[in-house]
PDB file of all heavy atoms in Angstrom:
ATOM      1  N   HIS A   1       0.827  -1.207   0.006  1.00  0.00           N
ATOM      2  CA  HIS A   1       0.001   0.001   0.004  1.00  0.00           C
ATOM      3  C   HIS A   1       0.872   1.261  -0.002  1.00  0.00           C
ATOM      4  O   HIS A   1       0.362   2.368  -0.074  1.00  0.00           O
ATOM      5  CB  HIS A   1      -0.907   0.023   1.249  1.00  0.00           C
ATOM      6  CG  HIS A   1      -2.083  -0.887   1.160  1.00  0.00           C
ATOM      7  ND1 HIS A   1      -2.111  -2.139   1.759  1.00  0.00           N
ATOM      8  CD2 HIS A   1      -3.271  -0.766   0.522  1.00  0.00           C
ATOM      9  CE1 HIS A   1      -3.265  -2.715   1.517  1.00  0.00           C
ATOM     10  NE2 HIS A   1      -4.004  -1.912   0.759  1.00  0.00           N
ATOM     11  N   ASP A   2       2.179   1.060   0.094  1.00  0.00           N
ATOM     12  CA  ASP A   2       3.105   2.186   0.237  1.00  0.00           C
ATOM     13  C   ASP A   2       3.619   2.601  -1.137  1.00  0.00           C
ATOM     14  O   ASP A   2       4.385   1.860  -1.770  1.00  0.00           O
ATOM     15  CB  ASP A   2       4.266   1.773   1.141  1.00  0.00           C
ATOM     16  CG  ASP A   2       5.172   2.947   1.520  1.00  0.00           C
ATOM     17  OD1 ASP A   2       5.199   3.944   0.778  1.00  0.00           O
ATOM     18  OD2 ASP A   2       5.846   2.842   2.564  1.00  0.00           O
ATOM     19  N   PRO A   3       3.241   3.786  -1.627  1.00  0.00           N
ATOM     20  CA  PRO A   3       3.681   4.205  -2.957  1.00  0.00           C
ATOM     21  C   PRO A   3       5.196   4.354  -3.067  1.00  0.00           C
ATOM     22  O   PRO A   3       5.766   4.188  -4.131  1.00  0.00           O
ATOM     23  CB  PRO A   3       2.971   5.557  -3.161  1.00  0.00           C
ATOM     24  CG  PRO A   3       2.617   6.024  -1.799  1.00  0.00           C
ATOM     25  CD  PRO A   3       2.364   4.795  -0.991  1.00  0.00           C
ATOM     26  N   ARG A   4       5.869   4.631  -1.945  1.00  0.00           N
ATOM     27  CA  ARG A   4       7.342   4.745  -1.974  1.00  0.00           C
ATOM     28  C   ARG A   4       7.964   3.396  -2.248  1.00  0.00           C
ATOM     29  O   ARG A   4       8.976   3.317  -2.962  1.00  0.00           O
ATOM     30  CB  ARG A   4       7.850   5.309  -0.643  1.00  0.00           C
ATOM     31  CG  ARG A   4       7.349   6.708  -0.319  1.00  0.00           C
ATOM     32  CD  ARG A   4       7.712   7.082   1.112  1.00  0.00           C
ATOM     33  NE  ARG A   4       7.184   6.096   2.050  1.00  0.00           N
ATOM     34  CZ  ARG A   4       7.516   6.024   3.337  1.00  0.00           C
ATOM     35  NH1 ARG A   4       8.444   6.856   3.819  1.00  0.00           N
ATOM     36  NH2 ARG A   4       6.971   5.130   4.127  1.00  0.00           N
ATOM     37  N   ILE A   5       7.387   2.343  -1.708  1.00  0.00           N
ATOM     38  CA  ILE A   5       7.897   0.989  -1.962  1.00  0.00           C
ATOM     39  C   ILE A   5       7.622   0.600  -3.422  1.00  0.00           C
ATOM     40  O   ILE A   5       8.481   0.072  -4.115  1.00  0.00           O
ATOM     41  CB  ILE A   5       7.241  -0.020  -1.013  1.00  0.00           C
ATOM     42  CG1 ILE A   5       7.612   0.292   0.455  1.00  0.00           C
ATOM     43  CG2 ILE A   5       7.613  -1.443  -1.379  1.00  0.00           C
ATOM     44  CD1 ILE A   5       9.043   0.087   0.808  1.00  0.00           C
ATOM     45  N   ALA A   6       6.390   0.892  -3.872  1.00  0.00           N
ATOM     46  CA  ALA A   6       6.019   0.530  -5.253  1.00  0.00           C
ATOM     47  C   ALA A   6       6.952   1.197  -6.269  1.00  0.00           C
ATOM     48  O   ALA A   6       7.302   0.584  -7.276  1.00  0.00           O
ATOM     49  CB  ALA A   6       4.570   0.928  -5.520  1.00  0.00           C
ATOM     50  N   LYS A   7       7.359   2.434  -6.003  1.00  0.00           N
ATOM     51  CA  LYS A   7       8.211   3.157  -6.943  1.00  0.00           C
ATOM     52  C   LYS A   7       9.598   2.547  -7.095  1.00  0.00           C
ATOM     53  O   LYS A   7      10.309   2.820  -8.047  1.00  0.00           O
ATOM     54  CB  LYS A   7       8.335   4.630  -6.506  1.00  0.00           C
ATOM     55  CG  LYS A   7       7.081   5.454  -6.746  1.00  0.00           C
ATOM     56  CD  LYS A   7       7.283   6.869  -6.261  1.00  0.00           C
ATOM     57  CE  LYS A   7       6.015   7.694  -6.489  1.00  0.00           C
ATOM     58  NZ  LYS A   7       6.183   9.090  -5.994  1.00  0.00           N
ATOM     59  N   GLU A   8       9.985   1.710  -6.119  1.00  0.00           N
ATOM     60  CA  GLU A   8      11.298   1.069  -6.169  1.00  0.00           C
ATOM     61  C   GLU A   8      11.263  -0.217  -7.003  1.00  0.00           C
ATOM     62  O   GLU A   8      12.296  -0.857  -7.215  1.00  0.00           O
ATOM     63  CB  GLU A   8      11.779   0.746  -4.750  1.00  0.00           C
ATOM     64  CG  GLU A   8      11.978   1.954  -3.857  1.00  0.00           C
ATOM     65  CD  GLU A   8      13.044   2.905  -4.361  1.00  0.00           C
ATOM     66  OE1 GLU A   8      14.066   2.431  -4.888  1.00  0.00           O
ATOM     67  OE2 GLU A   8      12.854   4.132  -4.247  1.00  0.00           O
ATOM     68  N   CYS A   9      10.085  -0.603  -7.491  1.00  0.00           N
ATOM     69  CA  CYS A   9       9.953  -1.835  -8.266  1.00  0.00           C
ATOM     70  C   CYS A   9      10.129  -1.577  -9.754  1.00  0.00           C
ATOM     71  O   CYS A   9      10.091  -0.438 -10.209  1.00  0.00           O
ATOM     72  CB  CYS A   9       8.578  -2.444  -8.010  1.00  0.00           C
ATOM     73  SG  CYS A   9       8.313  -2.923  -6.281  1.00  0.00           S
ATOM     74  N   ASP A  10      10.353  -2.635 -10.510  1.00  0.00           N
ATOM     75  CA  ASP A  10      10.541  -2.515 -11.961  1.00  0.00           C
ATOM     76  C   ASP A  10       9.266  -2.120 -12.688  1.00  0.00           C
ATOM     77  O   ASP A  10       9.299  -1.406 -13.677  1.00  0.00           O
ATOM     78  CB  ASP A  10      11.011  -3.860 -12.557  1.00  0.00           C
ATOM     79  CG  ASP A  10      12.318  -4.326 -11.971  1.00  0.00           C
ATOM     80  OD1 ASP A  10      13.145  -3.473 -11.595  1.00  0.00           O
ATOM     81  OD2 ASP A  10      12.530  -5.536 -11.906  1.00  0.00           O
ATOM     82  N   ARG A  11       8.155  -2.592 -12.150  1.00  0.00           N
ATOM     83  CA  ARG A  11       6.872  -2.413 -12.815  1.00  0.00           C
ATOM     84  C   ARG A  11       5.787  -2.442 -11.759  1.00  0.00           C
ATOM     85  O   ARG A  11       5.911  -3.126 -10.746  1.00  0.00           O
ATOM     86  CB  ARG A  11       6.684  -3.553 -13.836  1.00  0.00           C
ATOM     87  CG  ARG A  11       5.387  -3.539 -14.621  1.00  0.00           C
ATOM     88  CD  ARG A  11       5.512  -4.415 -15.887  1.00  0.00           C
ATOM     89  NE  ARG A  11       5.876  -5.789 -15.591  1.00  0.00           N
ATOM     90  CZ  ARG A  11       5.018  -6.822 -15.637  1.00  0.00           C
ATOM     91  NH1 ARG A  11       3.762  -6.624 -15.934  1.00  0.00           N
ATOM     92  NH2 ARG A  11       5.446  -8.051 -15.396  1.00  0.00           N
ATOM     93  N   ILE A  12       4.729  -1.704 -11.993  1.00  0.00           N
ATOM     94  CA  ILE A  12       3.590  -1.673 -11.072  1.00  0.00           C
ATOM     95  C   ILE A  12       2.347  -2.188 -11.782  1.00  0.00           C
ATOM     96  O   ILE A  12       2.028  -1.704 -12.882  1.00  0.00           O
ATOM     97  CB  ILE A  12       3.321  -0.244 -10.542  1.00  0.00           C
ATOM     98  CG1 ILE A  12       4.534   0.289  -9.778  1.00  0.00           C
ATOM     99  CG2 ILE A  12       2.074  -0.231  -9.645  1.00  0.00           C
ATOM    100  CD1 ILE A  12       4.428   1.748  -9.393  1.00  0.00           C
ATOM    101  N   VAL A  13       1.675  -3.169 -11.203  1.00  0.00           N
ATOM    102  CA  VAL A  13       0.385  -3.594 -11.703  1.00  0.00           C
ATOM    103  C   VAL A  13      -0.663  -3.209 -10.669  1.00  0.00           C
ATOM    104  O   VAL A  13      -0.466  -3.410  -9.483  1.00  0.00           O
ATOM    105  CB  VAL A  13       0.335  -5.106 -12.028  1.00  0.00           C
ATOM    106  CG1 VAL A  13       1.233  -5.427 -13.199  1.00  0.00           C
ATOM    107  CG2 VAL A  13       0.743  -5.950 -10.825  1.00  0.00           C
ATOM    108  N   GLU A  14      -1.718  -2.620 -11.143  1.00  0.00           N
ATOM    109  CA  GLU A  14      -2.770  -2.108 -10.256  1.00  0.00           C
ATOM    110  C   GLU A  14      -4.074  -2.820 -10.554  1.00  0.00           C
ATOM    111  O   GLU A  14      -4.488  -2.928 -11.704  1.00  0.00           O
ATOM    112  CB  GLU A  14      -2.934  -0.598 -10.430  1.00  0.00           C
ATOM    113  CG  GLU A  14      -3.970   0.007  -9.505  1.00  0.00           C
ATOM    114  CD  GLU A  14      -4.045   1.525  -9.610  1.00  0.00           C
ATOM    115  OE1 GLU A  14      -3.461   2.087 -10.549  1.00  0.00           O
ATOM    116  OE2 GLU A  14      -4.672   2.134  -8.725  1.00  0.00           O
ATOM    117  N   ILE A  15      -4.719  -3.275  -9.490  1.00  0.00           N
ATOM    118  CA  ILE A  15      -6.016  -3.924  -9.652  1.00  0.00           C
ATOM    119  C   ILE A  15      -7.081  -3.035  -9.035  1.00  0.00           C
ATOM    120  O   ILE A  15      -6.959  -2.574  -7.908  1.00  0.00           O
ATOM    121  CB  ILE A  15      -6.017  -5.340  -9.023  1.00  0.00           C
ATOM    122  CG1 ILE A  15      -7.334  -6.044  -9.335  1.00  0.00           C
ATOM    123  CG2 ILE A  15      -5.698  -5.324  -7.540  1.00  0.00           C
ATOM    124  CD1 ILE A  15      -7.309  -7.530  -9.034  1.00  0.00           C
ATOM    125  N   VAL A  16      -8.097  -2.758  -9.818  1.00  0.00           N
ATOM    126  CA  VAL A  16      -9.241  -1.948  -9.381  1.00  0.00           C
ATOM    127  C   VAL A  16     -10.509  -2.603  -9.884  1.00  0.00           C
ATOM    128  O   VAL A  16     -10.639  -2.885 -11.080  1.00  0.00           O
ATOM    129  CB  VAL A  16      -9.159  -0.496  -9.925  1.00  0.00           C
ATOM    130  CG1 VAL A  16     -10.386   0.305  -9.487  1.00  0.00           C
ATOM    131  CG2 VAL A  16      -7.871   0.183  -9.453  1.00  0.00           C
ATOM    132  N   ASP A  17     -11.395  -2.903  -8.966  1.00  0.00           N
ATOM    133  CA  ASP A  17     -12.683  -3.550  -9.319  1.00  0.00           C
ATOM    134  C   ASP A  17     -12.460  -4.823 -10.143  1.00  0.00           C
ATOM    135  O   ASP A  17     -13.169  -5.090 -11.103  1.00  0.00           O
ATOM    136  CB  ASP A  17     -13.580  -2.571 -10.081  1.00  0.00           C
ATOM    137  CG  ASP A  17     -14.007  -1.396  -9.237  1.00  0.00           C
ATOM    138  OD1 ASP A  17     -14.097  -1.554  -7.996  1.00  0.00           O
ATOM    139  OD2 ASP A  17     -14.242  -0.311  -9.783  1.00  0.00           O
ATOM    140  N   GLY A  18     -11.423  -5.584  -9.762  1.00  0.00           N
ATOM    141  CA  GLY A  18     -11.203  -6.887 -10.394  1.00  0.00           C
ATOM    142  C   GLY A  18     -10.566  -6.830 -11.771  1.00  0.00           C
ATOM    143  O   GLY A  18     -10.479  -7.840 -12.449  1.00  0.00           O
ATOM    144  N   LYS A  19     -10.083  -5.640 -12.189  1.00  0.00           N
ATOM    145  CA  LYS A  19      -9.428  -5.517 -13.493  1.00  0.00           C
ATOM    146  C   LYS A  19      -8.014  -4.973 -13.267  1.00  0.00           C
ATOM    147  O   LYS A  19      -7.769  -4.158 -12.370  1.00  0.00           O
ATOM    148  CB  LYS A  19     -10.234  -4.584 -14.419  1.00  0.00           C
ATOM    149  CG  LYS A  19     -11.615  -5.121 -14.737  1.00  0.00           C
ATOM    150  CD  LYS A  19     -12.376  -4.171 -15.643  1.00  0.00           C
ATOM    151  CE  LYS A  19     -13.781  -4.712 -15.968  1.00  0.00           C
ATOM    152  NZ  LYS A  19     -14.542  -3.764 -16.822  1.00  0.00           N
ATOM    153  N   LEU A  20      -7.093  -5.389 -14.138  1.00  0.00           N
ATOM    154  CA  LEU A  20      -5.687  -5.088 -13.947  1.00  0.00           C
ATOM    155  C   LEU A  20      -5.169  -4.102 -14.995  1.00  0.00           C
ATOM    156  O   LEU A  20      -5.513  -4.205 -16.169  1.00  0.00           O
ATOM    157  CB  LEU A  20      -4.884  -6.392 -14.052  1.00  0.00           C
ATOM    158  CG  LEU A  20      -3.564  -6.499 -13.288  1.00  0.00           C
ATOM    159  CD1 LEU A  20      -3.783  -6.415 -11.787  1.00  0.00           C
ATOM    160  CD2 LEU A  20      -2.856  -7.802 -13.640  1.00  0.00           C
ATOM    161  N   THR A  21      -4.376  -3.164 -14.539  1.00  0.00           N
ATOM    162  CA  THR A  21      -3.661  -2.276 -15.453  1.00  0.00           C
ATOM    163  C   THR A  21      -2.181  -2.281 -15.042  1.00  0.00           C
ATOM    164  O   THR A  21      -1.857  -2.511 -13.888  1.00  0.00           O
ATOM    165  CB  THR A  21      -4.178  -0.840 -15.377  1.00  0.00           C
ATOM    166  OG1 THR A  21      -4.060  -0.338 -14.040  1.00  0.00           O
ATOM    167  CG2 THR A  21      -5.640  -0.775 -15.795  1.00  0.00           C
ATOM    168  N   THR A  22      -1.313  -2.022 -16.011  1.00  0.00           N
ATOM    169  CA  THR A  22       0.129  -2.035 -15.754  1.00  0.00           C
ATOM    170  C   THR A  22       0.711  -0.695 -16.139  1.00  0.00           C
ATOM    171  O   THR A  22       0.341  -0.113 -17.163  1.00  0.00           O
ATOM    172  CB  THR A  22       0.816  -3.142 -16.579  1.00  0.00           C
ATOM    173  OG1 THR A  22       0.246  -4.406 -16.241  1.00  0.00           O
ATOM    174  CG2 THR A  22       2.321  -3.163 -16.308  1.00  0.00           C
ATOM    175  N   HIS A  23       1.647  -0.179 -15.326  1.00  0.00           N
ATOM    176  CA  HIS A  23       2.341   1.039 -15.679  1.00  0.00           C
ATOM    177  C   HIS A  23       3.730   1.053 -15.055  1.00  0.00           C
ATOM    178  O   HIS A  23       3.987   0.351 -14.093  1.00  0.00           O
ATOM    179  CB  HIS A  23       1.548   2.284 -15.269  1.00  0.00           C
ATOM    180  CG  HIS A  23       1.102   2.296 -13.841  1.00  0.00           C
ATOM    181  ND1 HIS A  23       1.825   2.845 -12.832  1.00  0.00           N
ATOM    182  CD2 HIS A  23      -0.029   1.800 -13.271  1.00  0.00           C
ATOM    183  CE1 HIS A  23       1.182   2.714 -11.683  1.00  0.00           C
ATOM    184  NE2 HIS A  23       0.061   2.089 -11.908  1.00  0.00           N
ATOM    185  N   GLU A  24       4.600   1.835 -15.649  1.00  0.00           N
ATOM    186  CA  GLU A  24       5.955   1.955 -15.130  1.00  0.00           C
ATOM    187  C   GLU A  24       5.941   2.878 -13.925  1.00  0.00           C
ATOM    188  O   GLU A  24       5.200   3.865 -13.881  1.00  0.00           O
ATOM    189  CB  GLU A  24       6.873   2.535 -16.222  1.00  0.00           C
ATOM    190  CG  GLU A  24       6.999   1.681 -17.469  1.00  0.00           C
ATOM    191  CD  GLU A  24       7.605   0.327 -17.187  1.00  0.00           C
ATOM    192  OE1 GLU A  24       8.496   0.250 -16.326  1.00  0.00           O
ATOM    193  OE2 GLU A  24       7.180  -0.648 -17.843  1.00  0.00           O
ATOM    194  N   PRO A  25       6.776   2.589 -12.907  1.00  0.00           N
ATOM    195  CA  PRO A  25       6.835   3.472 -11.746  1.00  0.00           C
ATOM    196  C   PRO A  25       7.437   4.807 -12.115  1.00  0.00           C
ATOM    197  O   PRO A  25       8.316   4.897 -13.005  1.00  0.00           O
ATOM    198  CB  PRO A  25       7.727   2.718 -10.764  1.00  0.00           C
ATOM    199  CG  PRO A  25       8.541   1.791 -11.615  1.00  0.00           C
ATOM    200  CD  PRO A  25       7.671   1.437 -12.774  1.00  0.00           C
ATOM    201  N   GLU A  26       6.991   5.868 -11.448  1.00  0.00           N
ATOM    202  CA  GLU A  26       7.587   7.180 -11.627  1.00  0.00           C
ATOM    203  C   GLU A  26       8.992   7.172 -10.990  1.00  0.00           C
ATOM    204  O   GLU A  26       9.268   6.380 -10.113  1.00  0.00           O
ATOM    205  CB  GLU A  26       6.721   8.269 -10.962  1.00  0.00           C
ATOM    206  CG  GLU A  26       5.313   8.354 -11.525  1.00  0.00           C
ATOM    207  CD  GLU A  26       4.456   9.316 -10.719  1.00  0.00           C
ATOM    208  OE1 GLU A  26       5.009   9.957  -9.799  1.00  0.00           O
ATOM    209  OE2 GLU A  26       3.261   9.434 -11.013  1.00  0.00           O
ATOM    210  N   PRO A  27       9.844   8.058 -11.468  1.00  0.00           N
ATOM    211  CA  PRO A  27      11.180   8.142 -10.832  1.00  0.00           C
ATOM    212  C   PRO A  27      11.007   8.382  -9.335  1.00  0.00           C
ATOM    213  O   PRO A  27      10.237   9.238  -8.902  1.00  0.00           O
ATOM    214  CB  PRO A  27      11.820   9.357 -11.520  1.00  0.00           C
ATOM    215  CG  PRO A  27      11.115   9.440 -12.828  1.00  0.00           C
ATOM    216  CD  PRO A  27       9.704   9.002 -12.562  1.00  0.00           C
ATOM    217  N   SER A  28      11.699   7.597  -8.528  1.00  0.00           N
ATOM    218  CA  SER A  28      11.516   7.674  -7.074  1.00  0.00           C
ATOM    219  C   SER A  28      12.527   8.611  -6.448  1.00  0.00           C
ATOM    220  O   SER A  28      13.631   8.818  -6.938  1.00  0.00           O
ATOM    221  CB  SER A  28      11.650   6.281  -6.446  1.00  0.00           C
ATOM    222  OG  SER A  28      12.960   5.824  -6.604  1.00  0.00           O
TER     223      SER A  28
END
């Protein structure tokens, strides 16, 4: 749930209402 942790990853996948989207993390 921590956006600072997520930004340290190679890729972020987000699930909302049972559907998935993928995006690159912003520069941390």
